[in-house]
Amino acid sequence: MGVNEFYDYLPKHFWNKLDGFYELENIRERTRWERTRWQTTLLLNIQIGKGKKIKPTDLIEFEWDKKDKKIDYEKLKARAEYVKKMSEYKNNK
């Protein structure tokens, strides 16, 4: 983000962009952990007998693996529409 772009943003838009950046970084970190867990599972499964295979969740269960979490799809949809409108508005400037 350039200086001019920074000063053109309203505080709310800046914080939305910052939240999106942190969300992207969390997704990247999650992907790295998932890959490591998957690789370790593969390496362990070649050492274990054929009848005793393990799953990645048997090694470690992350917070995002828990199924109890409910997703508010309406809120996600509203946020996506808002971001789309803001990007269209910015492109039309």
PDB file of N, CA and C in Angstrom:
ATOM      1  N   MET A   1       0.850  -1.159   0.000  1.00  0.00           N
ATOM      2  CA  MET A   1       0.000   0.000   0.000  1.00  0.00           C
ATOM      3  C   MET A   1       0.903   1.231   0.000  1.00  0.00           C
ATOM      4  N   GLY A   2       0.666   2.079  -0.942  1.00  0.00           N
ATOM      5  CA  GLY A   2       1.432   3.302  -1.035  1.00  0.00           C
ATOM      6  C   GLY A   2       0.913   4.363  -0.076  1.00  0.00           C
ATOM      7  N   VAL A   3       1.686   5.427   0.073  1.00  0.00           N
ATOM      8  CA  VAL A   3       1.311   6.506   0.986  1.00  0.00           C
ATOM      9  C   VAL A   3       0.030   7.182   0.510  1.00  0.00           C
ATOM     10  N   ASN A   4      -0.074   7.439  -0.785  1.00  0.00           N
ATOM     11  CA  ASN A   4      -1.276   8.089  -1.314  1.00  0.00           C
ATOM     12  C   ASN A   4      -2.522   7.229  -1.089  1.00  0.00           C
ATOM     13  N   GLU A   5      -2.365   5.949  -1.327  1.00  0.00           N
ATOM     14  CA  GLU A   5      -3.496   5.034  -1.116  1.00  0.00           C
ATOM     15  C   GLU A   5      -3.897   5.010   0.361  1.00  0.00           C
ATOM     16  N   PHE A   6      -2.895   5.042   1.241  1.00  0.00           N
ATOM     17  CA  PHE A   6      -3.168   5.049   2.677  1.00  0.00           C
ATOM     18  C   PHE A   6      -3.988   6.274   3.071  1.00  0.00           C
ATOM     19  N   TYR A   7      -3.595   7.444   2.568  1.00  0.00           N
ATOM     20  CA  TYR A   7      -4.293   8.674   2.942  1.00  0.00           C
ATOM     21  C   TYR A   7      -5.666   8.806   2.269  1.00  0.00           C
ATOM     22  N   ASP A   8      -5.907   8.061   1.194  1.00  0.00           N
ATOM     23  CA  ASP A   8      -7.224   8.078   0.551  1.00  0.00           C
ATOM     24  C   ASP A   8      -8.247   7.221   1.289  1.00  0.00           C
ATOM     25  N   TYR A   9      -7.783   6.306   2.115  1.00  0.00           N
ATOM     26  CA  TYR A   9      -8.686   5.401   2.820  1.00  0.00           C
ATOM     27  C   TYR A   9      -9.343   6.082   4.008  1.00  0.00           C
ATOM     28  N   LEU A  10     -10.592   5.695   4.230  1.00  0.00           N
ATOM     29  CA  LEU A  10     -11.238   6.039   5.490  1.00  0.00           C
ATOM     30  C   LEU A  10     -10.721   5.052   6.535  1.00  0.00           C
ATOM     31  N   PRO A  11     -10.741   5.412   7.818  1.00  0.00           N
ATOM     32  CA  PRO A  11     -10.226   4.490   8.836  1.00  0.00           C
ATOM     33  C   PRO A  11     -10.888   3.109   8.787  1.00  0.00           C
ATOM     34  N   LYS A  12     -12.195   3.092   8.544  1.00  0.00           N
ATOM     35  CA  LYS A  12     -12.897   1.803   8.496  1.00  0.00           C
ATOM     36  C   LYS A  12     -12.363   0.931   7.355  1.00  0.00           C
ATOM     37  N   HIS A  13     -12.101   1.537   6.206  1.00  0.00           N
ATOM     38  CA  HIS A  13     -11.585   0.776   5.072  1.00  0.00           C
ATOM     39  C   HIS A  13     -10.174   0.288   5.335  1.00  0.00           C
ATOM     40  N   PHE A  14      -9.379   1.126   5.995  1.00  0.00           N
ATOM     41  CA  PHE A  14      -8.029   0.704   6.347  1.00  0.00           C
ATOM     42  C   PHE A  14      -8.073  -0.505   7.278  1.00  0.00           C
ATOM     43  N   TRP A  15      -8.918  -0.451   8.304  1.00  0.00           N
ATOM     44  CA  TRP A  15      -8.987  -1.571   9.252  1.00  0.00           C
ATOM     45  C   TRP A  15      -9.558  -2.821   8.592  1.00  0.00           C
ATOM     46  N   ASN A  16     -10.473  -2.654   7.650  1.00  0.00           N
ATOM     47  CA  ASN A  16     -10.974  -3.815   6.899  1.00  0.00           C
ATOM     48  C   ASN A  16      -9.856  -4.449   6.091  1.00  0.00           C
ATOM     49  N   LYS A  17      -9.033  -3.607   5.470  1.00  0.00           N
ATOM     50  CA  LYS A  17      -7.922  -4.130   4.684  1.00  0.00           C
ATOM     51  C   LYS A  17      -6.908  -4.820   5.593  1.00  0.00           C
ATOM     52  N   LEU A  18      -6.648  -4.244   6.754  1.00  0.00           N
ATOM     53  CA  LEU A  18      -5.722  -4.844   7.704  1.00  0.00           C
ATOM     54  C   LEU A  18      -6.262  -6.181   8.220  1.00  0.00           C
ATOM     55  N   ASP A  19      -7.561  -6.233   8.514  1.00  0.00           N
ATOM     56  CA  ASP A  19      -8.174  -7.498   8.942  1.00  0.00           C
ATOM     57  C   ASP A  19      -8.049  -8.560   7.854  1.00  0.00           C
ATOM     58  N   GLY A  20      -8.256  -8.159   6.604  1.00  0.00           N
ATOM     59  CA  GLY A  20      -8.109  -9.096   5.498  1.00  0.00           C
ATOM     60  C   GLY A  20      -6.686  -9.597   5.375  1.00  0.00           C
ATOM     61  N   PHE A  21      -5.718  -8.716   5.603  1.00  0.00           N
ATOM     62  CA  PHE A  21      -4.310  -9.122   5.556  1.00  0.00           C
ATOM     63  C   PHE A  21      -4.011 -10.159   6.626  1.00  0.00           C
ATOM     64  N   TYR A  22      -4.488  -9.911   7.858  1.00  0.00           N
ATOM     65  CA  TYR A  22      -4.251 -10.871   8.938  1.00  0.00           C
ATOM     66  C   TYR A  22      -4.960 -12.191   8.672  1.00  0.00           C
ATOM     67  N   GLU A  23      -6.127 -12.131   8.091  1.00  0.00           N
ATOM     68  CA  GLU A  23      -6.854 -13.358   7.750  1.00  0.00           C
ATOM     69  C   GLU A  23      -6.080 -14.160   6.703  1.00  0.00           C
ATOM     70  N   LEU A  24      -5.529 -13.472   5.708  1.00  0.00           N
ATOM     71  CA  LEU A  24      -4.714 -14.139   4.690  1.00  0.00           C
ATOM     72  C   LEU A  24      -3.480 -14.786   5.309  1.00  0.00           C
ATOM     73  N   GLU A  25      -2.817 -14.088   6.222  1.00  0.00           N
ATOM     74  CA  GLU A  25      -1.638 -14.647   6.895  1.00  0.00           C
ATOM     75  C   GLU A  25      -2.017 -15.867   7.735  1.00  0.00           C
ATOM     76  N   ASN A  26      -3.169 -15.823   8.402  1.00  0.00           N
ATOM     77  CA  ASN A  26      -3.626 -16.979   9.176  1.00  0.00           C
ATOM     78  C   ASN A  26      -3.900 -18.177   8.271  1.00  0.00           C
ATOM     79  N   ILE A  27      -4.473 -17.919   7.094  1.00  0.00           N
ATOM     80  CA  ILE A  27      -4.739 -19.007   6.145  1.00  0.00           C
ATOM     81  C   ILE A  27      -3.425 -19.613   5.656  1.00  0.00           C
ATOM     82  N   ARG A  28      -2.438 -18.759   5.376  1.00  0.00           N
ATOM     83  CA  ARG A  28      -1.129 -19.262   4.940  1.00  0.00           C
ATOM     84  C   ARG A  28      -0.479 -20.117   6.026  1.00  0.00           C
ATOM     85  N   GLU A  29      -0.539 -19.647   7.270  1.00  0.00           N
ATOM     86  CA  GLU A  29       0.051 -20.396   8.382  1.00  0.00           C
ATOM     87  C   GLU A  29      -0.688 -21.713   8.589  1.00  0.00           C
ATOM     88  N   ARG A  30      -1.991 -21.679   8.472  1.00  0.00           N
ATOM     89  CA  ARG A  30      -2.797 -22.900   8.608  1.00  0.00           C
ATOM     90  C   ARG A  30      -2.408 -23.919   7.525  1.00  0.00           C
ATOM     91  N   THR A  31      -2.204 -23.428   6.305  1.00  0.00           N
ATOM     92  CA  THR A  31      -1.810 -24.310   5.201  1.00  0.00           C
ATOM     93  C   THR A  31      -0.469 -24.967   5.486  1.00  0.00           C
ATOM     94  N   ARG A  32       0.454 -24.199   6.041  1.00  0.00           N
ATOM     95  CA  ARG A  32       1.767 -24.767   6.378  1.00  0.00           C
ATOM     96  C   ARG A  32       1.642 -25.866   7.432  1.00  0.00           C
ATOM     97  N   TRP A  33       0.821 -25.633   8.457  1.00  0.00           N
ATOM     98  CA  TRP A  33       0.625 -26.639   9.487  1.00  0.00           C
ATOM     99  C   TRP A  33      -0.067 -27.882   8.929  1.00  0.00           C
ATOM    100  N   GLU A  34      -1.048 -27.672   8.062  1.00  0.00           N
ATOM    101  CA  GLU A  34      -1.745 -28.806   7.451  1.00  0.00           C
ATOM    102  C   GLU A  34      -0.765 -29.656   6.624  1.00  0.00           C
ATOM    103  N   ARG A  35       0.090 -28.982   5.866  1.00  0.00           N
ATOM    104  CA  ARG A  35       1.071 -29.683   5.042  1.00  0.00           C
ATOM    105  C   ARG A  35       2.037 -30.482   5.908  1.00  0.00           C
ATOM    106  N   THR A  36       2.511 -29.895   6.989  1.00  0.00           N
ATOM    107  CA  THR A  36       3.431 -30.585   7.891  1.00  0.00           C
ATOM    108  C   THR A  36       2.761 -31.800   8.519  1.00  0.00           C
ATOM    109  N   ARG A  37       1.521 -31.643   8.939  1.00  0.00           N
ATOM    110  CA  ARG A  37       0.797 -32.767   9.537  1.00  0.00           C
ATOM    111  C   ARG A  37       0.587 -33.879   8.519  1.00  0.00           C
ATOM    112  N   TRP A  38       0.265 -33.506   7.294  1.00  0.00           N
ATOM    113  CA  TRP A  38       0.051 -34.497   6.237  1.00  0.00           C
ATOM    114  C   TRP A  38       1.355 -35.244   5.921  1.00  0.00           C
ATOM    115  N   GLN A  39       2.461 -34.512   5.793  1.00  0.00           N
ATOM    116  CA  GLN A  39       3.753 -35.140   5.501  1.00  0.00           C
ATOM    117  C   GLN A  39       4.160 -36.101   6.616  1.00  0.00           C
ATOM    118  N   THR A  40       3.959 -35.688   7.853  1.00  0.00           N
ATOM    119  CA  THR A  40       4.315 -36.544   8.986  1.00  0.00           C
ATOM    120  C   THR A  40       3.457 -37.799   8.999  1.00  0.00           C
ATOM    121  N   THR A  41       2.192 -37.657   8.675  1.00  0.00           N
ATOM    122  CA  THR A  41       1.310 -38.828   8.609  1.00  0.00           C
ATOM    123  C   THR A  41       1.793 -39.809   7.556  1.00  0.00           C
ATOM    124  N   LEU A  42       2.171 -39.290   6.389  1.00  0.00           N
ATOM    125  CA  LEU A  42       2.679 -40.168   5.338  1.00  0.00           C
ATOM    126  C   LEU A  42       3.947 -40.889   5.772  1.00  0.00           C
ATOM    127  N   LEU A  43       4.858 -40.167   6.398  1.00  0.00           N
ATOM    128  CA  LEU A  43       6.103 -40.785   6.853  1.00  0.00           C
ATOM    129  C   LEU A  43       5.862 -41.842   7.930  1.00  0.00           C
ATOM    130  N   LEU A  44       4.928 -41.600   8.811  1.00  0.00           N
ATOM    131  CA  LEU A  44       4.628 -42.586   9.850  1.00  0.00           C
ATOM    132  C   LEU A  44       3.890 -43.792   9.282  1.00  0.00           C
ATOM    133  N   ASN A  45       3.022 -43.581   8.303  1.00  0.00           N
ATOM    134  CA  ASN A  45       2.251 -44.697   7.746  1.00  0.00           C
ATOM    135  C   ASN A  45       3.128 -45.696   7.000  1.00  0.00           C
ATOM    136  N   ILE A  46       4.260 -45.280   6.464  1.00  0.00           N
ATOM    137  CA  ILE A  46       5.125 -46.272   5.812  1.00  0.00           C
ATOM    138  C   ILE A  46       5.897 -47.105   6.830  1.00  0.00           C
ATOM    139  N   GLN A  47       5.933 -46.642   8.073  1.00  0.00           N
ATOM    140  CA  GLN A  47       6.620 -47.391   9.124  1.00  0.00           C
ATOM    141  C   GLN A  47       5.681 -48.320   9.892  1.00  0.00           C
ATOM    142  N   ILE A  48       4.394 -48.105   9.743  1.00  0.00           N
ATOM    143  CA  ILE A  48       3.390 -48.887  10.472  1.00  0.00           C
ATOM    144  C   ILE A  48       2.880 -49.999   9.559  1.00  0.00           C
ATOM    145  N   GLY A  49       2.425 -51.099  10.166  1.00  0.00           N
ATOM    146  CA  GLY A  49       1.883 -52.209   9.396  1.00  0.00           C
ATOM    147  C   GLY A  49       0.657 -51.801   8.592  1.00  0.00           C
ATOM    148  N   LYS A  50       0.294 -52.636   7.612  1.00  0.00           N
ATOM    149  CA  LYS A  50      -0.800 -52.302   6.694  1.00  0.00           C
ATOM    150  C   LYS A  50      -2.149 -52.142   7.387  1.00  0.00           C
ATOM    151  N   GLY A  51      -2.413 -52.879   8.425  1.00  0.00           N
ATOM    152  CA  GLY A  51      -3.708 -52.793   9.098  1.00  0.00           C
ATOM    153  C   GLY A  51      -3.812 -51.631  10.076  1.00  0.00           C
ATOM    154  N   LYS A  52      -2.719 -50.935  10.317  1.00  0.00           N
ATOM    155  CA  LYS A  52      -2.703 -49.894  11.337  1.00  0.00           C
ATOM    156  C   LYS A  52      -2.314 -48.545  10.735  1.00  0.00           C
ATOM    157  N   LYS A  53      -3.173 -47.985   9.951  1.00  0.00           N
ATOM    158  CA  LYS A  53      -2.909 -46.669   9.364  1.00  0.00           C
ATOM    159  C   LYS A  53      -3.452 -45.574  10.282  1.00  0.00           C
ATOM    160  N   ILE A  54      -2.765 -44.455  10.290  1.00  0.00           N
ATOM    161  CA  ILE A  54      -3.242 -43.327  11.088  1.00  0.00           C
ATOM    162  C   ILE A  54      -3.704 -42.209  10.159  1.00  0.00           C
ATOM    163  N   LYS A  55      -4.580 -41.375  10.694  1.00  0.00           N
ATOM    164  CA  LYS A  55      -5.077 -40.211   9.952  1.00  0.00           C
ATOM    165  C   LYS A  55      -4.354 -38.969  10.468  1.00  0.00           C
ATOM    166  N   PRO A  56      -4.327 -37.913   9.673  1.00  0.00           N
ATOM    167  CA  PRO A  56      -3.665 -36.688  10.136  1.00  0.00           C
ATOM    168  C   PRO A  56      -4.237 -36.157  11.449  1.00  0.00           C
ATOM    169  N   THR A  57      -5.535 -36.312  11.657  1.00  0.00           N
ATOM    170  CA  THR A  57      -6.122 -35.817  12.902  1.00  0.00           C
ATOM    171  C   THR A  57      -5.758 -36.689  14.092  1.00  0.00           C
ATOM    172  N   ASP A  58      -5.232 -37.907  13.851  1.00  0.00           N
ATOM    173  CA  ASP A  58      -4.758 -38.741  14.951  1.00  0.00           C
ATOM    174  C   ASP A  58      -3.453 -38.191  15.528  1.00  0.00           C
ATOM    175  N   LEU A  59      -2.674 -37.515  14.710  1.00  0.00           N
ATOM    176  CA  LEU A  59      -1.420 -36.930  15.190  1.00  0.00           C
ATOM    177  C   LEU A  59      -1.670 -35.720  16.072  1.00  0.00           C
ATOM    178  N   ILE A  60      -2.387 -34.773  15.527  1.00  0.00           N
ATOM    179  CA  ILE A  60      -2.702 -33.541  16.251  1.00  0.00           C
ATOM    180  C   ILE A  60      -4.013 -32.994  15.700  1.00  0.00           C
ATOM    181  N   GLU A  61      -4.833 -32.492  16.599  1.00  0.00           N
ATOM    182  CA  GLU A  61      -6.096 -31.892  16.179  1.00  0.00           C
ATOM    183  C   GLU A  61      -6.019 -30.391  16.436  1.00  0.00           C
ATOM    184  N   PHE A  62      -6.121 -29.640  15.376  1.00  0.00           N
ATOM    185  CA  PHE A  62      -6.041 -28.191  15.489  1.00  0.00           C
ATOM    186  C   PHE A  62      -7.402 -27.618  15.847  1.00  0.00           C
ATOM    187  N   GLU A  63      -7.387 -26.359  16.222  1.00  0.00           N
ATOM    188  CA  GLU A  63      -8.622 -25.669  16.605  1.00  0.00           C
ATOM    189  C   GLU A  63      -9.622 -25.632  15.448  1.00  0.00           C
ATOM    190  N   TRP A  64      -9.117 -25.476  14.239  1.00  0.00           N
ATOM    191  CA  TRP A  64     -10.010 -25.369  13.076  1.00  0.00           C
ATOM    192  C   TRP A  64     -10.567 -26.722  12.637  1.00  0.00           C
ATOM    193  N   ASP A  65     -10.078 -27.813  13.217  1.00  0.00           N
ATOM    194  CA  ASP A  65     -10.599 -29.140  12.893  1.00  0.00           C
ATOM    195  C   ASP A  65     -11.894 -29.454  13.630  1.00  0.00           C
ATOM    196  N   LYS A  66     -12.179 -28.714  14.655  1.00  0.00           N
ATOM    197  CA  LYS A  66     -13.367 -28.994  15.461  1.00  0.00           C
ATOM    198  C   LYS A  66     -14.621 -28.610  14.694  1.00  0.00           C
ATOM    199  N   LYS A  67     -15.605 -29.467  14.719  1.00  0.00           N
ATOM    200  CA  LYS A  67     -16.822 -29.311  13.914  1.00  0.00           C
ATOM    201  C   LYS A  67     -17.886 -28.446  14.593  1.00  0.00           C
ATOM    202  N   ASP A  68     -17.701 -28.094  15.856  1.00  0.00           N
ATOM    203  CA  ASP A  68     -18.726 -27.370  16.609  1.00  0.00           C
ATOM    204  C   ASP A  68     -18.900 -25.925  16.154  1.00  0.00           C
ATOM    205  N   LYS A  69     -17.990 -25.439  15.392  1.00  0.00           N
ATOM    206  CA  LYS A  69     -18.010 -24.050  14.965  1.00  0.00           C
ATOM    207  C   LYS A  69     -19.094 -23.822  13.917  1.00  0.00           C
ATOM    208  N   LYS A  70     -19.987 -22.870  14.180  1.00  0.00           N
ATOM    209  CA  LYS A  70     -21.040 -22.540  13.221  1.00  0.00           C
ATOM    210  C   LYS A  70     -20.608 -21.331  12.402  1.00  0.00           C
ATOM    211  N   ILE A  71     -20.882 -21.382  11.127  1.00  0.00           N
ATOM    212  CA  ILE A  71     -20.514 -20.298  10.222  1.00  0.00           C
ATOM    213  C   ILE A  71     -21.766 -19.506   9.879  1.00  0.00           C
ATOM    214  N   ASP A  72     -21.689 -18.212  10.050  1.00  0.00           N
ATOM    215  CA  ASP A  72     -22.805 -17.327   9.720  1.00  0.00           C
ATOM    216  C   ASP A  72     -22.662 -16.922   8.250  1.00  0.00           C
ATOM    217  N   TYR A  73     -23.316 -17.673   7.371  1.00  0.00           N
ATOM    218  CA  TYR A  73     -23.182 -17.447   5.936  1.00  0.00           C
ATOM    219  C   TYR A  73     -23.785 -16.117   5.499  1.00  0.00           C
ATOM    220  N   GLU A  74     -24.816 -15.681   6.175  1.00  0.00           N
ATOM    221  CA  GLU A  74     -25.422 -14.390   5.829  1.00  0.00           C
ATOM    222  C   GLU A  74     -24.441 -13.247   6.090  1.00  0.00           C
ATOM    223  N   LYS A  75     -23.741 -13.321   7.207  1.00  0.00           N
ATOM    224  CA  LYS A  75     -22.753 -12.299   7.535  1.00  0.00           C
ATOM    225  C   LYS A  75     -21.602 -12.315   6.525  1.00  0.00           C
ATOM    226  N   LEU A  76     -21.147 -13.510   6.159  1.00  0.00           N
ATOM    227  CA  LEU A  76     -20.079 -13.621   5.161  1.00  0.00           C
ATOM    228  C   LEU A  76     -20.523 -13.083   3.805  1.00  0.00           C
ATOM    229  N   LYS A  77     -21.762 -13.367   3.434  1.00  0.00           N
ATOM    230  CA  LYS A  77     -22.290 -12.891   2.158  1.00  0.00           C
ATOM    231  C   LYS A  77     -22.390 -11.368   2.151  1.00  0.00           C
ATOM    232  N   ALA A  78     -22.872 -10.804   3.255  1.00  0.00           N
ATOM    233  CA  ALA A  78     -22.994  -9.338   3.348  1.00  0.00           C
ATOM    234  C   ALA A  78     -21.621  -8.678   3.275  1.00  0.00           C
ATOM    235  N   ARG A  79     -20.654  -9.273   3.923  1.00  0.00           N
ATOM    236  CA  ARG A  79     -19.294  -8.713   3.892  1.00  0.00           C
ATOM    237  C   ARG A  79     -18.715  -8.788   2.483  1.00  0.00           C
ATOM    238  N   ALA A  80     -18.920  -9.903   1.803  1.00  0.00           N
ATOM    239  CA  ALA A  80     -18.415 -10.055   0.438  1.00  0.00           C
ATOM    240  C   ALA A  80     -19.053  -9.039  -0.503  1.00  0.00           C
ATOM    241  N   GLU A  81     -20.358  -8.806  -0.344  1.00  0.00           N
ATOM    242  CA  GLU A  81     -21.041  -7.820  -1.181  1.00  0.00           C
ATOM    243  C   GLU A  81     -20.519  -6.414  -0.906  1.00  0.00           C
ATOM    244  N   TYR A  82     -20.253  -6.110   0.370  1.00  0.00           N
ATOM    245  CA  TYR A  82     -19.723  -4.804   0.735  1.00  0.00           C
ATOM    246  C   TYR A  82     -18.344  -4.583   0.105  1.00  0.00           C
ATOM    247  N   VAL A  83     -17.493  -5.594   0.205  1.00  0.00           N
ATOM    248  CA  VAL A  83     -16.148  -5.487  -0.374  1.00  0.00           C
ATOM    249  C   VAL A  83     -16.226  -5.335  -1.886  1.00  0.00           C
ATOM    250  N   LYS A  84     -17.154  -6.045  -2.508  1.00  0.00           N
ATOM    251  CA  LYS A  84     -17.323  -5.946  -3.959  1.00  0.00           C
ATOM    252  C   LYS A  84     -17.766  -4.535  -4.354  1.00  0.00           C
ATOM    253  N   LYS A  85     -18.729  -3.976  -3.608  1.00  0.00           N
ATOM    254  CA  LYS A  85     -19.195  -2.622  -3.902  1.00  0.00           C
ATOM    255  C   LYS A  85     -18.079  -1.605  -3.717  1.00  0.00           C
ATOM    256  N   MET A  86     -17.284  -1.779  -2.673  1.00  0.00           N
ATOM    257  CA  MET A  86     -16.187  -0.842  -2.417  1.00  0.00           C
ATOM    258  C   MET A  86     -15.129  -0.916  -3.516  1.00  0.00           C
ATOM    259  N   SER A  87     -14.832  -2.126  -3.995  1.00  0.00           N
ATOM    260  CA  SER A  87     -13.835  -2.248  -5.066  1.00  0.00           C
ATOM    261  C   SER A  87     -14.379  -1.661  -6.367  1.00  0.00           C
ATOM    262  N   GLU A  88     -15.682  -1.835  -6.640  1.00  0.00           N
ATOM    263  CA  GLU A  88     -16.288  -1.235  -7.830  1.00  0.00           C
ATOM    264  C   GLU A  88     -16.270   0.290  -7.727  1.00  0.00           C
ATOM    265  N   TYR A  89     -16.551   0.803  -6.532  1.00  0.00           N
ATOM    266  CA  TYR A  89     -16.536   2.242  -6.311  1.00  0.00           C
ATOM    267  C   TYR A  89     -15.122   2.792  -6.522  1.00  0.00           C
ATOM    268  N   LYS A  90     -14.150   2.093  -5.993  1.00  0.00           N
ATOM    269  CA  LYS A  90     -12.753   2.544  -6.109  1.00  0.00           C
ATOM    270  C   LYS A  90     -12.285   2.489  -7.556  1.00  0.00           C
ATOM    271  N   ASN A  91     -12.710   1.474  -8.305  1.00  0.00           N
ATOM    272  CA  ASN A  91     -12.317   1.336  -9.713  1.00  0.00           C
ATOM    273  C   ASN A  91     -12.983   2.390 -10.585  1.00  0.00           C
ATOM    274  N   ASN A  92     -14.154   2.892 -10.196  1.00  0.00           N
ATOM    275  CA  ASN A  92     -14.868   3.894 -10.975  1.00  0.00           C
ATOM    276  C   ASN A  92     -14.391   5.315 -10.699  1.00  0.00           C
ATOM    277  N   LYS A  93     -13.541   5.500  -9.707  1.00  0.00           N
ATOM    278  CA  LYS A  93     -13.036   6.835  -9.363  1.00  0.00           C
ATOM    279  C   LYS A  93     -12.214   7.436 -10.455  1.00  0.00           C
TER     280      LYS A  93
END
